[in-house]
Amino acid sequence: KTIESANQFGEDLAKEVLNSVSEAKQMMVVEIAFNRKLIKFPVENE
């Protein structure tokens, strides 16, 4: 649980992301669509 570990973990994640996206496929269709729903959850915890 060190500052060095936190920085290294984040850097390693970024490296994995960039390695993956370097071989990414391009999306040929880029439509945007959106839905949402308002919802009520019961509060069973006092």
ModelCIF file with pLDDT and N, C-alpha, C, O atoms, coordinates in Angstrom:
data_MODEL
#
_entry.id   MODEL 
#
_entity.id                         1 
_entity.type                       polymer 
_entity.pdbx_number_of_molecules   1 
#
_entity_poly.entity_id                      1 
_entity_poly.type                           'polypeptide(L)' 
_entity_poly.nstd_linkage                   no 
_entity_poly.nstd_monomer                   no 
_entity_poly.pdbx_seq_one_letter_code       KTIESANQFGEDLAKEVLNSVSEAKQMMVVEIAFNRKLIKFPVENE 
_entity_poly.pdbx_seq_one_letter_code_can   KTIESANQFGEDLAKEVLNSVSEAKQMMVVEIAFNRKLIKFPVENE 
_entity_poly.pdbx_strand_id                 A 
#
loop_
_entity_poly_seq.entity_id 
_entity_poly_seq.num 
_entity_poly_seq.mon_id 
_entity_poly_seq.hetero 
1 1  LYS n 
1 2  THR n 
1 3  ILE n 
1 4  GLU n 
1 5  SER n 
1 6  ALA n 
1 7  ASN n 
1 8  GLN n 
1 9  PHE n 
1 10 GLY n 
1 11 GLU n 
1 12 ASP n 
1 13 LEU n 
1 14 ALA n 
1 15 LYS n 
1 16 GLU n 
1 17 VAL n 
1 18 LEU n 
1 19 ASN n 
1 20 SER n 
1 21 VAL n 
1 22 SER n 
1 23 GLU n 
1 24 ALA n 
1 25 LYS n 
1 26 GLN n 
1 27 MET n 
1 28 MET n 
1 29 VAL n 
1 30 VAL n 
1 31 GLU n 
1 32 ILE n 
1 33 ALA n 
1 34 PHE n 
1 35 ASN n 
1 36 ARG n 
1 37 LYS n 
1 38 LEU n 
1 39 ILE n 
1 40 LYS n 
1 41 PHE n 
1 42 PRO n 
1 43 VAL n 
1 44 GLU n 
1 45 ASN n 
1 46 GLU n 
#
_struct_asym.id          A 
_struct_asym.entity_id   1 
#
loop_
_ma_qa_metric.id 
_ma_qa_metric.mode 
_ma_qa_metric.name 
_ma_qa_metric.software_group_id 
_ma_qa_metric.type 
1 global pLDDT . pLDDT 
2 local  pLDDT . pLDDT 
#
_ma_qa_metric_global.metric_id      1 
_ma_qa_metric_global.metric_value   95.67 
_ma_qa_metric_global.model_id       1 
_ma_qa_metric_global.ordinal_id     1 
#
loop_
_ma_qa_metric_local.label_asym_id 
_ma_qa_metric_local.label_comp_id 
_ma_qa_metric_local.label_seq_id 
_ma_qa_metric_local.metric_id 
_ma_qa_metric_local.metric_value 
_ma_qa_metric_local.model_id 
_ma_qa_metric_local.ordinal_id 
A LYS 1  2 94.00 1 1  
A THR 2  2 97.00 1 2  
A ILE 3  2 97.00 1 3  
A GLU 4  2 97.00 1 4  
A SER 5  2 96.00 1 5  
A ALA 6  2 97.00 1 6  
A ASN 7  2 97.00 1 7  
A GLN 8  2 97.00 1 8  
A PHE 9  2 97.00 1 9  
A GLY 10 2 98.00 1 10 
A GLU 11 2 98.00 1 11 
A ASP 12 2 98.00 1 12 
A LEU 13 2 98.00 1 13 
A ALA 14 2 98.00 1 14 
A LYS 15 2 98.00 1 15 
A GLU 16 2 98.00 1 16 
A VAL 17 2 98.00 1 17 
A LEU 18 2 98.00 1 18 
A ASN 19 2 98.00 1 19 
A SER 20 2 97.00 1 20 
A VAL 21 2 97.00 1 21 
A SER 22 2 95.00 1 22 
A GLU 23 2 91.00 1 23 
A ALA 24 2 93.00 1 24 
A LYS 25 2 88.00 1 25 
A GLN 26 2 94.00 1 26 
A MET 27 2 90.00 1 27 
A MET 28 2 86.00 1 28 
A VAL 29 2 80.00 1 29 
A VAL 30 2 87.00 1 30 
A GLU 31 2 92.00 1 31 
A ILE 32 2 97.00 1 32 
A ALA 33 2 97.00 1 33 
A PHE 34 2 98.00 1 34 
A ASN 35 2 98.00 1 35 
A ARG 36 2 97.00 1 36 
A LYS 37 2 97.00 1 37 
A LEU 38 2 98.00 1 38 
A ILE 39 2 97.00 1 39 
A LYS 40 2 98.00 1 40 
A PHE 41 2 98.00 1 41 
A PRO 42 2 98.00 1 42 
A VAL 43 2 98.00 1 43 
A GLU 44 2 97.00 1 44 
A ASN 45 2 97.00 1 45 
A GLU 46 2 97.00 1 46 
#
loop_
_atom_site.group_PDB 
_atom_site.id 
_atom_site.type_symbol 
_atom_site.label_atom_id 
_atom_site.label_alt_id 
_atom_site.label_comp_id 
_atom_site.label_asym_id 
_atom_site.label_entity_id 
_atom_site.label_seq_id 
_atom_site.pdbx_PDB_ins_code 
_atom_site.Cartn_x 
_atom_site.Cartn_y 
_atom_site.Cartn_z 
_atom_site.occupancy 
_atom_site.B_iso_or_equiv 
_atom_site.pdbx_formal_charge 
_atom_site.auth_seq_id 
_atom_site.auth_comp_id 
_atom_site.auth_asym_id 
_atom_site.auth_atom_id 
_atom_site.pdbx_PDB_model_num 
ATOM 1   N N  . LYS A 1 1  ? 0.855   -1.186 0.000   1.00 94.00 ? 1  LYS A N  1 
ATOM 2   C CA . LYS A 1 1  ? 0.000   0.000  0.000   1.00 94.00 ? 1  LYS A CA 1 
ATOM 3   C C  . LYS A 1 1  ? 0.891   1.235  0.000   1.00 94.00 ? 1  LYS A C  1 
ATOM 4   O O  . LYS A 1 1  ? 1.037   1.915  1.016   1.00 94.00 ? 1  LYS A O  1 
ATOM 5   N N  . THR A 1 2  ? 1.479   1.511  -1.151  1.00 97.00 ? 2  THR A N  1 
ATOM 6   C CA . THR A 1 2  ? 2.435   2.600  -1.269  1.00 97.00 ? 2  THR A CA 1 
ATOM 7   C C  . THR A 1 2  ? 2.076   3.495  -2.452  1.00 97.00 ? 2  THR A C  1 
ATOM 8   O O  . THR A 1 2  ? 1.327   3.109  -3.350  1.00 97.00 ? 2  THR A O  1 
ATOM 9   N N  . ILE A 1 3  ? 2.631   4.691  -2.420  1.00 97.00 ? 3  ILE A N  1 
ATOM 10  C CA . ILE A 1 3  ? 2.444   5.619  -3.535  1.00 97.00 ? 3  ILE A CA 1 
ATOM 11  C C  . ILE A 1 3  ? 3.014   5.022  -4.813  1.00 97.00 ? 3  ILE A C  1 
ATOM 12  O O  . ILE A 1 3  ? 2.434   5.162  -5.889  1.00 97.00 ? 3  ILE A O  1 
ATOM 13  N N  . GLU A 1 4  ? 4.150   4.357  -4.686  1.00 97.00 ? 4  GLU A N  1 
ATOM 14  C CA . GLU A 1 4  ? 4.783   3.731  -5.860  1.00 97.00 ? 4  GLU A CA 1 
ATOM 15  C C  . GLU A 1 4  ? 3.881   2.666  -6.465  1.00 97.00 ? 4  GLU A C  1 
ATOM 16  O O  . GLU A 1 4  ? 3.779   2.561  -7.687  1.00 97.00 ? 4  GLU A O  1 
ATOM 17  N N  . SER A 1 5  ? 3.224   1.872  -5.614  1.00 96.00 ? 5  SER A N  1 
ATOM 18  C CA . SER A 1 5  ? 2.316   0.834  -6.117  1.00 96.00 ? 5  SER A CA 1 
ATOM 19  C C  . SER A 1 5  ? 1.131   1.446  -6.856  1.00 96.00 ? 5  SER A C  1 
ATOM 20  O O  . SER A 1 5  ? 0.745   0.973  -7.925  1.00 96.00 ? 5  SER A O  1 
ATOM 21  N N  . ALA A 1 6  ? 0.559   2.501  -6.278  1.00 97.00 ? 6  ALA A N  1 
ATOM 22  C CA . ALA A 1 6  ? -0.589  3.147  -6.918  1.00 97.00 ? 6  ALA A CA 1 
ATOM 23  C C  . ALA A 1 6  ? -0.208  3.690  -8.293  1.00 97.00 ? 6  ALA A C  1 
ATOM 24  O O  . ALA A 1 6  ? -0.933  3.489  -9.267  1.00 97.00 ? 6  ALA A O  1 
ATOM 25  N N  . ASN A 1 7  ? 0.922   4.372  -8.368  1.00 97.00 ? 7  ASN A N  1 
ATOM 26  C CA . ASN A 1 7  ? 1.360   4.919  -9.657  1.00 97.00 ? 7  ASN A CA 1 
ATOM 27  C C  . ASN A 1 7  ? 1.655   3.814  -10.666 1.00 97.00 ? 7  ASN A C  1 
ATOM 28  O O  . ASN A 1 7  ? 1.307   3.932  -11.841 1.00 97.00 ? 7  ASN A O  1 
ATOM 29  N N  . GLN A 1 8  ? 2.300   2.735  -10.206 1.00 97.00 ? 8  GLN A N  1 
ATOM 30  C CA . GLN A 1 8  ? 2.661   1.645  -11.111 1.00 97.00 ? 8  GLN A CA 1 
ATOM 31  C C  . GLN A 1 8  ? 1.440   0.916  -11.626 1.00 97.00 ? 8  GLN A C  1 
ATOM 32  O O  . GLN A 1 8  ? 1.368   0.569  -12.805 1.00 97.00 ? 8  GLN A O  1 
ATOM 33  N N  . PHE A 1 9  ? 0.465   0.679  -10.735 1.00 97.00 ? 9  PHE A N  1 
ATOM 34  C CA . PHE A 1 9  ? -0.761  -0.006 -11.136 1.00 97.00 ? 9  PHE A CA 1 
ATOM 35  C C  . PHE A 1 9  ? -1.485  0.794  -12.225 1.00 97.00 ? 9  PHE A C  1 
ATOM 36  O O  . PHE A 1 9  ? -1.937  0.233  -13.223 1.00 97.00 ? 9  PHE A O  1 
ATOM 37  N N  . GLY A 1 10 ? -1.590  2.125  -12.014 1.00 98.00 ? 10 GLY A N  1 
ATOM 38  C CA . GLY A 1 10 ? -2.250  2.966  -13.009 1.00 98.00 ? 10 GLY A CA 1 
ATOM 39  C C  . GLY A 1 10 ? -1.502  3.027  -14.314 1.00 98.00 ? 10 GLY A C  1 
ATOM 40  O O  . GLY A 1 10 ? -2.108  3.005  -15.385 1.00 98.00 ? 10 GLY A O  1 
ATOM 41  N N  . GLU A 1 11 ? -0.171  3.104  -14.232 1.00 98.00 ? 11 GLU A N  1 
ATOM 42  C CA . GLU A 1 11 ? 0.638   3.123  -15.444 1.00 98.00 ? 11 GLU A CA 1 
ATOM 43  C C  . GLU A 1 11 ? 0.515   1.812  -16.205 1.00 98.00 ? 11 GLU A C  1 
ATOM 44  O O  . GLU A 1 11 ? 0.434   1.811  -17.433 1.00 98.00 ? 11 GLU A O  1 
ATOM 45  N N  . ASP A 1 12 ? 0.500   0.696  -15.483 1.00 98.00 ? 12 ASP A N  1 
ATOM 46  C CA . ASP A 1 12 ? 0.365   -0.605 -16.141 1.00 98.00 ? 12 ASP A CA 1 
ATOM 47  C C  . ASP A 1 12 ? -0.994  -0.737 -16.831 1.00 98.00 ? 12 ASP A C  1 
ATOM 48  O O  . ASP A 1 12 ? -1.096  -1.308 -17.917 1.00 98.00 ? 12 ASP A O  1 
ATOM 49  N N  . LEU A 1 13 ? -2.032  -0.205 -16.190 1.00 98.00 ? 13 LEU A N  1 
ATOM 50  C CA . LEU A 1 13 ? -3.357  -0.224 -16.827 1.00 98.00 ? 13 LEU A CA 1 
ATOM 51  C C  . LEU A 1 13 ? -3.330  0.587  -18.121 1.00 98.00 ? 13 LEU A C  1 
ATOM 52  O O  . LEU A 1 13 ? -3.834  0.135  -19.148 1.00 98.00 ? 13 LEU A O  1 
ATOM 53  N N  . ALA A 1 14 ? -2.744  1.780  -18.072 1.00 98.00 ? 14 ALA A N  1 
ATOM 54  C CA . ALA A 1 14 ? -2.659  2.614  -19.266 1.00 98.00 ? 14 ALA A CA 1 
ATOM 55  C C  . ALA A 1 14 ? -1.879  1.921  -20.381 1.00 98.00 ? 14 ALA A C  1 
ATOM 56  O O  . ALA A 1 14 ? -2.274  1.984  -21.545 1.00 98.00 ? 14 ALA A O  1 
ATOM 57  N N  . LYS A 1 15 ? -0.780  1.262  -20.032 1.00 98.00 ? 15 LYS A N  1 
ATOM 58  C CA . LYS A 1 15 ? 0.013   0.554  -21.039 1.00 98.00 ? 15 LYS A CA 1 
ATOM 59  C C  . LYS A 1 15 ? -0.793  -0.575 -21.679 1.00 98.00 ? 15 LYS A C  1 
ATOM 60  O O  . LYS A 1 15 ? -0.708  -0.792 -22.888 1.00 98.00 ? 15 LYS A O  1 
ATOM 61  N N  . GLU A 1 16 ? -1.574  -1.291 -20.873 1.00 98.00 ? 16 GLU A N  1 
ATOM 62  C CA . GLU A 1 16 ? -2.402  -2.368 -21.412 1.00 98.00 ? 16 GLU A CA 1 
ATOM 63  C C  . GLU A 1 16 ? -3.470  -1.809 -22.350 1.00 98.00 ? 16 GLU A C  1 
ATOM 64  O O  . GLU A 1 16 ? -3.743  -2.384 -23.404 1.00 98.00 ? 16 GLU A O  1 
ATOM 65  N N  . VAL A 1 17 ? -4.070  -0.689 -21.961 1.00 98.00 ? 17 VAL A N  1 
ATOM 66  C CA . VAL A 1 17 ? -5.081  -0.036 -22.805 1.00 98.00 ? 17 VAL A CA 1 
ATOM 67  C C  . VAL A 1 17 ? -4.464  0.385  -24.138 1.00 98.00 ? 17 VAL A C  1 
ATOM 68  O O  . VAL A 1 17 ? -5.036  0.124  -25.197 1.00 98.00 ? 17 VAL A O  1 
ATOM 69  N N  . LEU A 1 18 ? -3.316  1.027  -24.092 1.00 98.00 ? 18 LEU A N  1 
ATOM 70  C CA . LEU A 1 18 ? -2.693  1.529  -25.315 1.00 98.00 ? 18 LEU A CA 1 
ATOM 71  C C  . LEU A 1 18 ? -2.191  0.390  -26.196 1.00 98.00 ? 18 LEU A C  1 
ATOM 72  O O  . LEU A 1 18 ? -2.247  0.490  -27.422 1.00 98.00 ? 18 LEU A O  1 
ATOM 73  N N  . ASN A 1 19 ? -1.711  -0.672 -25.602 1.00 98.00 ? 19 ASN A N  1 
ATOM 74  C CA . ASN A 1 19 ? -1.296  -1.839 -26.378 1.00 98.00 ? 19 ASN A CA 1 
ATOM 75  C C  . ASN A 1 19 ? -2.491  -2.455 -27.101 1.00 98.00 ? 19 ASN A C  1 
ATOM 76  O O  . ASN A 1 19 ? -2.395  -2.851 -28.263 1.00 98.00 ? 19 ASN A O  1 
ATOM 77  N N  . SER A 1 20 ? -3.625  -2.530 -26.391 1.00 97.00 ? 20 SER A N  1 
ATOM 78  C CA . SER A 1 20 ? -4.827  -3.101 -26.991 1.00 97.00 ? 20 SER A CA 1 
ATOM 79  C C  . SER A 1 20 ? -5.368  -2.219 -28.115 1.00 97.00 ? 20 SER A C  1 
ATOM 80  O O  . SER A 1 20 ? -5.722  -2.713 -29.185 1.00 97.00 ? 20 SER A O  1 
ATOM 81  N N  . VAL A 1 21 ? -5.429  -0.919 -27.865 1.00 97.00 ? 21 VAL A N  1 
ATOM 82  C CA . VAL A 1 21 ? -6.050  -0.027 -28.846 1.00 97.00 ? 21 VAL A CA 1 
ATOM 83  C C  . VAL A 1 21 ? -5.144  0.201  -30.054 1.00 97.00 ? 21 VAL A C  1 
ATOM 84  O O  . VAL A 1 21 ? -5.612  0.684  -31.085 1.00 97.00 ? 21 VAL A O  1 
ATOM 85  N N  . SER A 1 22 ? -3.856  -0.136 -29.949 1.00 95.00 ? 22 SER A N  1 
ATOM 86  C CA . SER A 1 22 ? -2.962  -0.011 -31.108 1.00 95.00 ? 22 SER A CA 1 
ATOM 87  C C  . SER A 1 22 ? -3.355  -0.974 -32.218 1.00 95.00 ? 22 SER A C  1 
ATOM 88  O O  . SER A 1 22 ? -3.003  -0.771 -33.380 1.00 95.00 ? 22 SER A O  1 
ATOM 89  N N  . GLU A 1 23 ? -4.088  -2.028 -31.854 1.00 91.00 ? 23 GLU A N  1 
ATOM 90  C CA . GLU A 1 23 ? -4.554  -2.998 -32.844 1.00 91.00 ? 23 GLU A CA 1 
ATOM 91  C C  . GLU A 1 23 ? -6.078  -2.975 -32.957 1.00 91.00 ? 23 GLU A C  1 
ATOM 92  O O  . GLU A 1 23 ? -6.697  -3.951 -33.382 1.00 91.00 ? 23 GLU A O  1 
ATOM 93  N N  . ALA A 1 24 ? -6.669  -1.847 -32.571 1.00 93.00 ? 24 ALA A N  1 
ATOM 94  C CA . ALA A 1 24 ? -8.131  -1.746 -32.544 1.00 93.00 ? 24 ALA A CA 1 
ATOM 95  C C  . ALA A 1 24 ? -8.712  -1.685 -33.945 1.00 93.00 ? 24 ALA A C  1 
ATOM 96  O O  . ALA A 1 24 ? -8.048  -1.282 -34.900 1.00 93.00 ? 24 ALA A O  1 
ATOM 97  N N  . LYS A 1 25 ? -9.964  -2.094 -34.041 1.00 88.00 ? 25 LYS A N  1 
ATOM 98  C CA . LYS A 1 25 ? -10.669 -1.964 -35.311 1.00 88.00 ? 25 LYS A CA 1 
ATOM 99  C C  . LYS A 1 25 ? -11.428 -0.650 -35.337 1.00 88.00 ? 25 LYS A C  1 
ATOM 100 O O  . LYS A 1 25 ? -11.931 -0.189 -34.313 1.00 88.00 ? 25 LYS A O  1 
ATOM 101 N N  . GLN A 1 26 ? -11.504 -0.057 -36.510 1.00 94.00 ? 26 GLN A N  1 
ATOM 102 C CA . GLN A 1 26 ? -12.240 1.185  -36.664 1.00 94.00 ? 26 GLN A CA 1 
ATOM 103 C C  . GLN A 1 26 ? -13.725 0.894  -36.824 1.00 94.00 ? 26 GLN A C  1 
ATOM 104 O O  . GLN A 1 26 ? -14.104 -0.023 -37.552 1.00 94.00 ? 26 GLN A O  1 
ATOM 105 N N  . MET A 1 27 ? -14.563 1.668  -36.150 1.00 90.00 ? 27 MET A N  1 
ATOM 106 C CA . MET A 1 27 ? -16.003 1.531  -36.321 1.00 90.00 ? 27 MET A CA 1 
ATOM 107 C C  . MET A 1 27 ? -16.409 2.212  -37.628 1.00 90.00 ? 27 MET A C  1 
ATOM 108 O O  . MET A 1 27 ? -16.063 3.369  -37.866 1.00 90.00 ? 27 MET A O  1 
ATOM 109 N N  . MET A 1 28 ? -17.138 1.493  -38.464 1.00 86.00 ? 28 MET A N  1 
ATOM 110 C CA . MET A 1 28 ? -17.562 2.041  -39.750 1.00 86.00 ? 28 MET A CA 1 
ATOM 111 C C  . MET A 1 28 ? -18.869 2.808  -39.637 1.00 86.00 ? 28 MET A C  1 
ATOM 112 O O  . MET A 1 28 ? -19.145 3.692  -40.448 1.00 86.00 ? 28 MET A O  1 
ATOM 113 N N  . VAL A 1 29 ? -19.678 2.473  -38.632 1.00 80.00 ? 29 VAL A N  1 
ATOM 114 C CA . VAL A 1 29 ? -20.949 3.160  -38.417 1.00 80.00 ? 29 VAL A CA 1 
ATOM 115 C C  . VAL A 1 29 ? -20.930 3.738  -37.016 1.00 80.00 ? 29 VAL A C  1 
ATOM 116 O O  . VAL A 1 29 ? -20.582 3.045  -36.061 1.00 80.00 ? 29 VAL A O  1 
ATOM 117 N N  . VAL A 1 30 ? -21.300 4.997  -36.886 1.00 87.00 ? 30 VAL A N  1 
ATOM 118 C CA . VAL A 1 30 ? -21.113 5.682  -35.606 1.00 87.00 ? 30 VAL A CA 1 
ATOM 119 C C  . VAL A 1 30 ? -22.382 6.403  -35.147 1.00 87.00 ? 30 VAL A C  1 
ATOM 120 O O  . VAL A 1 30 ? -22.310 7.498  -34.590 1.00 87.00 ? 30 VAL A O  1 
ATOM 121 N N  . GLU A 1 31 ? -23.513 5.802  -35.376 1.00 92.00 ? 31 GLU A N  1 
ATOM 122 C CA . GLU A 1 31 ? -24.753 6.393  -34.886 1.00 92.00 ? 31 GLU A CA 1 
ATOM 123 C C  . GLU A 1 31 ? -24.725 6.560  -33.365 1.00 92.00 ? 31 GLU A C  1 
ATOM 124 O O  . GLU A 1 31 ? -24.033 5.827  -32.658 1.00 92.00 ? 31 GLU A O  1 
ATOM 125 N N  . ILE A 1 32 ? -25.481 7.528  -32.885 1.00 97.00 ? 32 ILE A N  1 
ATOM 126 C CA . ILE A 1 32 ? -25.679 7.703  -31.449 1.00 97.00 ? 32 ILE A CA 1 
ATOM 127 C C  . ILE A 1 32 ? -27.147 7.473  -31.136 1.00 97.00 ? 32 ILE A C  1 
ATOM 128 O O  . ILE A 1 32 ? -28.024 8.014  -31.810 1.00 97.00 ? 32 ILE A O  1 
ATOM 129 N N  . ALA A 1 33 ? -27.415 6.667  -30.109 1.00 97.00 ? 33 ALA A N  1 
ATOM 130 C CA . ALA A 1 33 ? -28.784 6.447  -29.643 1.00 97.00 ? 33 ALA A CA 1 
ATOM 131 C C  . ALA A 1 33 ? -28.773 6.519  -28.122 1.00 97.00 ? 33 ALA A C  1 
ATOM 132 O O  . ALA A 1 33 ? -27.740 6.302  -27.489 1.00 97.00 ? 33 ALA A O  1 
ATOM 133 N N  . PHE A 1 34 ? -29.941 6.828  -27.536 1.00 98.00 ? 34 PHE A N  1 
ATOM 134 C CA . PHE A 1 34 ? -29.978 7.060  -26.090 1.00 98.00 ? 34 PHE A CA 1 
ATOM 135 C C  . PHE A 1 34 ? -31.363 6.731  -25.550 1.00 98.00 ? 34 PHE A C  1 
ATOM 136 O O  . PHE A 1 34 ? -32.378 7.109  -26.135 1.00 98.00 ? 34 PHE A O  1 
ATOM 137 N N  . ASN A 1 35 ? -31.388 6.027  -24.432 1.00 98.00 ? 35 ASN A N  1 
ATOM 138 C CA . ASN A 1 35 ? -32.611 5.781  -23.667 1.00 98.00 ? 35 ASN A CA 1 
ATOM 139 C C  . ASN A 1 35 ? -32.326 5.986  -22.188 1.00 98.00 ? 35 ASN A C  1 
ATOM 140 O O  . ASN A 1 35 ? -31.197 5.794  -21.737 1.00 98.00 ? 35 ASN A O  1 
ATOM 141 N N  . ARG A 1 36 ? -33.328 6.368  -21.446 1.00 97.00 ? 36 ARG A N  1 
ATOM 142 C CA . ARG A 1 36 ? -33.180 6.445  -19.992 1.00 97.00 ? 36 ARG A CA 1 
ATOM 143 C C  . ARG A 1 36 ? -34.504 6.130  -19.332 1.00 97.00 ? 36 ARG A C  1 
ATOM 144 O O  . ARG A 1 36 ? -35.552 6.153  -19.976 1.00 97.00 ? 36 ARG A O  1 
ATOM 145 N N  . LYS A 1 37 ? -34.452 5.837  -18.050 1.00 97.00 ? 37 LYS A N  1 
ATOM 146 C CA . LYS A 1 37 ? -35.658 5.512  -17.297 1.00 97.00 ? 37 LYS A CA 1 
ATOM 147 C C  . LYS A 1 37 ? -35.523 6.048  -15.884 1.00 97.00 ? 37 LYS A C  1 
ATOM 148 O O  . LYS A 1 37 ? -34.531 5.790  -15.204 1.00 97.00 ? 37 LYS A O  1 
ATOM 149 N N  . LEU A 1 38 ? -36.529 6.797  -15.447 1.00 98.00 ? 38 LEU A N  1 
ATOM 150 C CA . LEU A 1 38 ? -36.608 7.213  -14.054 1.00 98.00 ? 38 LEU A CA 1 
ATOM 151 C C  . LEU A 1 38 ? -37.121 6.039  -13.242 1.00 98.00 ? 38 LEU A C  1 
ATOM 152 O O  . LEU A 1 38 ? -37.999 5.302  -13.691 1.00 98.00 ? 38 LEU A O  1 
ATOM 153 N N  . ILE A 1 39 ? -36.579 5.866  -12.056 1.00 97.00 ? 39 ILE A N  1 
ATOM 154 C CA . ILE A 1 39 ? -36.918 4.685  -11.265 1.00 97.00 ? 39 ILE A CA 1 
ATOM 155 C C  . ILE A 1 39 ? -36.909 5.046  -9.790  1.00 97.00 ? 39 ILE A C  1 
ATOM 156 O O  . ILE A 1 39 ? -36.173 5.934  -9.360  1.00 97.00 ? 39 ILE A O  1 
ATOM 157 N N  . LYS A 1 40 ? -37.734 4.349  -9.021  1.00 98.00 ? 40 LYS A N  1 
ATOM 158 C CA . LYS A 1 40 ? -37.743 4.493  -7.567  1.00 98.00 ? 40 LYS A CA 1 
ATOM 159 C C  . LYS A 1 40 ? -37.345 3.162  -6.941  1.00 98.00 ? 40 LYS A C  1 
ATOM 160 O O  . LYS A 1 40 ? -37.926 2.119  -7.243  1.00 98.00 ? 40 LYS A O  1 
ATOM 161 N N  . PHE A 1 41 ? -36.354 3.215  -6.071  1.00 98.00 ? 41 PHE A N  1 
ATOM 162 C CA . PHE A 1 41 ? -35.947 2.033  -5.318  1.00 98.00 ? 41 PHE A CA 1 
ATOM 163 C C  . PHE A 1 41 ? -36.525 2.115  -3.911  1.00 98.00 ? 41 PHE A C  1 
ATOM 164 O O  . PHE A 1 41 ? -36.472 3.179  -3.294  1.00 98.00 ? 41 PHE A O  1 
ATOM 165 N N  . PRO A 1 42 ? -37.076 1.017  -3.383  1.00 98.00 ? 42 PRO A N  1 
ATOM 166 C CA . PRO A 1 42 ? -37.524 1.032  -1.987  1.00 98.00 ? 42 PRO A CA 1 
ATOM 167 C C  . PRO A 1 42 ? -36.331 1.171  -1.046  1.00 98.00 ? 42 PRO A C  1 
ATOM 168 O O  . PRO A 1 42 ? -35.283 0.563  -1.269  1.00 98.00 ? 42 PRO A O  1 
ATOM 169 N N  . VAL A 1 43 ? -36.493 1.973  0.006   1.00 98.00 ? 43 VAL A N  1 
ATOM 170 C CA . VAL A 1 43 ? -35.443 2.141  1.012   1.00 98.00 ? 43 VAL A CA 1 
ATOM 171 C C  . VAL A 1 43 ? -35.788 1.222  2.180   1.00 98.00 ? 43 VAL A C  1 
ATOM 172 O O  . VAL A 1 43 ? -36.591 1.572  3.046   1.00 98.00 ? 43 VAL A O  1 
ATOM 173 N N  . GLU A 1 44 ? -35.172 0.045  2.191   1.00 97.00 ? 44 GLU A N  1 
ATOM 174 C CA . GLU A 1 44 ? -35.458 -0.957 3.221   1.00 97.00 ? 44 GLU A CA 1 
ATOM 175 C C  . GLU A 1 44 ? -34.477 -0.891 4.385   1.00 97.00 ? 44 GLU A C  1 
ATOM 176 O O  . GLU A 1 44 ? -34.631 -1.591 5.386   1.00 97.00 ? 44 GLU A O  1 
ATOM 177 N N  . ASN A 1 45 ? -33.472 -0.046 4.237   1.00 97.00 ? 45 ASN A N  1 
ATOM 178 C CA . ASN A 1 45 ? -32.449 0.120  5.266   1.00 97.00 ? 45 ASN A CA 1 
ATOM 179 C C  . ASN A 1 45 ? -32.726 1.417  6.021   1.00 97.00 ? 45 ASN A C  1 
ATOM 180 O O  . ASN A 1 45 ? -32.636 2.500  5.443   1.00 97.00 ? 45 ASN A O  1 
ATOM 181 N N  . GLU A 1 46 ? -33.061 1.318  7.307   1.00 97.00 ? 46 GLU A N  1 
ATOM 182 C CA . GLU A 1 46 ? -33.431 2.491  8.091   1.00 97.00 ? 46 GLU A CA 1 
ATOM 183 C C  . GLU A 1 46 ? -32.270 3.467  8.258   1.00 97.00 ? 46 GLU A C  1 
ATOM 184 O O  . GLU A 1 46 ? -32.425 4.508  8.896   1.00 97.00 ? 46 GLU A O  1 
#
